[in-house]
Protein backbone atom coordinates (compact mmCIF):
# COMPACT_ATOMS: atom_id res chain seq x y z
CA MET A 1 -28.89 8.36 -17.92
CA GLU A 2 -27.98 7.51 -14.27
CA THR A 3 -26.38 4.18 -15.47
CA THR A 4 -24.18 6.08 -17.93
CA LYS A 5 -23.03 8.40 -15.11
CA ILE A 6 -22.28 5.47 -12.88
CA LEU A 7 -20.26 3.84 -15.61
CA ILE A 8 -18.35 7.11 -16.18
CA GLY A 9 -17.70 7.18 -12.45
CA TYR A 10 -16.31 3.62 -12.52
CA GLY A 11 -14.25 4.61 -15.56
CA ILE A 12 -12.66 7.45 -13.55
CA TYR A 13 -12.43 5.75 -10.15
CA LEU A 14 -10.76 2.52 -11.18
CA PRO A 15 -7.80 3.91 -13.05
CA ILE A 16 -7.11 6.43 -10.29
CA ALA A 17 -7.33 3.73 -7.59
CA LEU A 18 -5.06 1.38 -9.51
CA PHE A 19 -2.57 4.14 -10.31
CA LEU A 20 -2.47 5.28 -6.66
CA THR A 21 -1.91 1.73 -5.52
CA TYR A 22 0.88 1.21 -8.10
CA TYR A 23 2.63 4.51 -7.25
CA VAL A 24 2.54 3.93 -3.48
CA SER A 25 3.68 0.40 -3.85
CA LYS A 26 6.60 1.19 -6.13
CA THR A 27 7.75 4.02 -3.84
CA LEU A 28 7.41 1.94 -0.73
CA PHE A 29 9.07 -1.20 -1.91
CA LYS A 30 11.83 0.51 -3.90
CA ASN A 31 12.86 2.20 -0.62
CA GLY A 32 11.89 -0.76 1.54
CA LYS A 33 14.57 -2.88 -0.09
CA ILE A 34 17.13 -0.94 1.91
CA PHE A 35 15.44 -1.91 5.16
CA MET A 36 15.20 -5.50 4.08
CA LEU A 37 18.94 -5.58 3.28
CA ASP A 38 19.66 -4.27 6.71
CA ILE A 39 17.28 -6.69 8.43
CA PHE A 40 18.76 -9.63 6.62
CA LYS A 41 22.35 -8.53 7.05
CA GLY A 42 23.06 -7.82 3.42
CA ARG A 43 21.81 -11.17 2.13
CA GLU A 44 20.36 -9.75 -1.00
CA GLU A 45 18.48 -12.78 -2.23
CA ILE A 46 16.31 -13.26 0.90
CA ALA A 47 15.83 -9.50 1.27
CA GLU A 48 14.68 -9.23 -2.34
CA ALA A 49 12.34 -12.21 -2.00
CA THR A 50 10.82 -10.95 1.27
CA ASN A 51 10.39 -7.49 -0.14
CA LYS A 52 8.61 -8.96 -3.20
CA LEU A 53 6.26 -10.97 -0.98
CA PHE A 54 5.34 -7.83 0.99
CA GLU A 55 4.76 -6.00 -2.32
CA THR A 56 2.46 -8.70 -3.64
CA GLY A 57 0.51 -8.67 -0.33
CA PHE A 58 0.26 -4.94 -0.53
CA TYR A 59 -1.16 -5.09 -4.12
CA LEU A 60 -3.66 -7.79 -3.11
CA LEU A 61 -4.94 -5.95 -0.05
CA ASN A 62 -5.24 -2.51 -1.69
CA ILE A 63 -6.64 -3.56 -4.98
CA GLY A 64 -9.07 -5.79 -3.18
CA PHE A 65 -10.18 -2.99 -0.97
CA ALA A 66 -10.46 -0.57 -3.98
CA LEU A 67 -12.78 -3.08 -5.64
CA MET A 68 -14.71 -3.80 -2.55
CA ILE A 69 -15.65 -0.09 -2.14
CA LEU A 70 -16.35 0.35 -5.86
CA GLU A 71 -20.09 0.71 -5.58
CA LEU A 72 -21.46 4.14 -6.71
CA GLN A 73 -25.05 5.13 -6.06
CA LEU A 74 -26.44 8.39 -7.34
CA ASN A 75 -29.57 9.82 -5.79
CA HIS A 76 -29.85 12.63 -8.29
CA ASP A 77 -28.96 12.51 -11.94
CA SER A 78 -26.25 15.17 -11.82
CA TYR A 79 -22.55 15.46 -12.62
CA GLN A 80 -22.10 17.46 -9.46
CA GLU A 81 -23.14 14.49 -7.36
CA LEU A 82 -20.96 12.15 -9.43
CA ILE A 83 -17.88 14.32 -8.77
CA GLU A 84 -18.73 14.64 -5.07
CA ARG A 85 -19.14 10.86 -4.72
CA LEU A 86 -15.91 10.22 -6.61
CA SER A 87 -13.97 12.68 -4.48
CA TYR A 88 -15.28 10.95 -1.36
CA LYS A 89 -14.33 7.51 -2.69
CA ILE A 90 -10.90 8.55 -3.98
CA GLY A 91 -10.17 10.59 -0.86
CA GLY A 92 -11.16 7.67 1.40
CA PHE A 93 -9.08 5.29 -0.61
CA SER A 94 -6.09 7.63 -0.47
CA ILE A 95 -6.41 7.83 3.31
CA TYR A 96 -6.55 4.02 3.49
CA LEU A 97 -3.40 3.80 1.28
CA GLY A 98 -1.67 6.25 3.64
CA ILE A 99 -2.56 4.13 6.60
CA MET A 100 -1.30 1.01 4.84
CA LEU A 101 1.92 2.83 3.95
CA PHE A 102 2.57 3.75 7.55
CA PHE A 103 1.62 0.22 8.65
CA ASN A 104 4.28 -1.26 6.35
CA LEU A 105 6.83 1.38 7.48
CA TYR A 106 6.14 0.29 11.01
CA PHE A 107 7.03 -3.35 10.12
CA PHE A 108 10.16 -2.21 8.33
CA PHE A 109 11.36 -0.24 11.31
CA ARG A 110 10.40 -2.99 13.68
CA GLY A 111 12.28 -5.52 11.67
CA LYS A 112 15.28 -3.25 11.57
CA ARG A 113 15.11 -2.77 15.38
CA LYS A 114 14.92 -6.58 15.95
CA ALA A 115 17.86 -7.14 13.59
CA LYS A 116 19.94 -4.60 15.58
CA GLU A 117 18.96 -6.23 18.92
CA ALA A 118 19.98 -9.67 17.57
CA GLN A 119 23.35 -8.18 16.36
CA ARG A 120 23.90 -6.72 19.83
CA GLU A 121 23.18 -10.06 21.45
CA GLU A 122 25.60 -11.81 19.01
CA ARG A 123 28.35 -9.38 19.93
CA LEU A 124 27.76 -9.95 23.65
CA VAL A 125 27.99 -13.77 23.11
CA PHE A 126 31.21 -13.54 21.10
CA LYS A 127 32.78 -11.20 23.72
CA ALA A 128 31.99 -13.59 26.51
């Protein structure tokens, strides 16, 4: 019976982890395209390509981590323990996704700041 509950747990955890990864990724990179266009001074082709590479890396890291922490062990053969373990796993993965989201935002803002600094330097050179 314990094996059945573990398989039920996997059947619940995996779709939720994959959906959360998909949702966060689509939200982040749909809005991240604006930052990329700003960073690359409106050059849409390179902004799009860079954004897609970031998105692919985001998927690889997060799905890899979700699979890495997949293991479920039940000490007691109860649905209560299954739900508690699942909430811990899904909650931990959600926190991890949030950290990754802010990590990516940091890079977007950092890239935007560097692009503005480079623009300022270009203006100073052309004025001189």
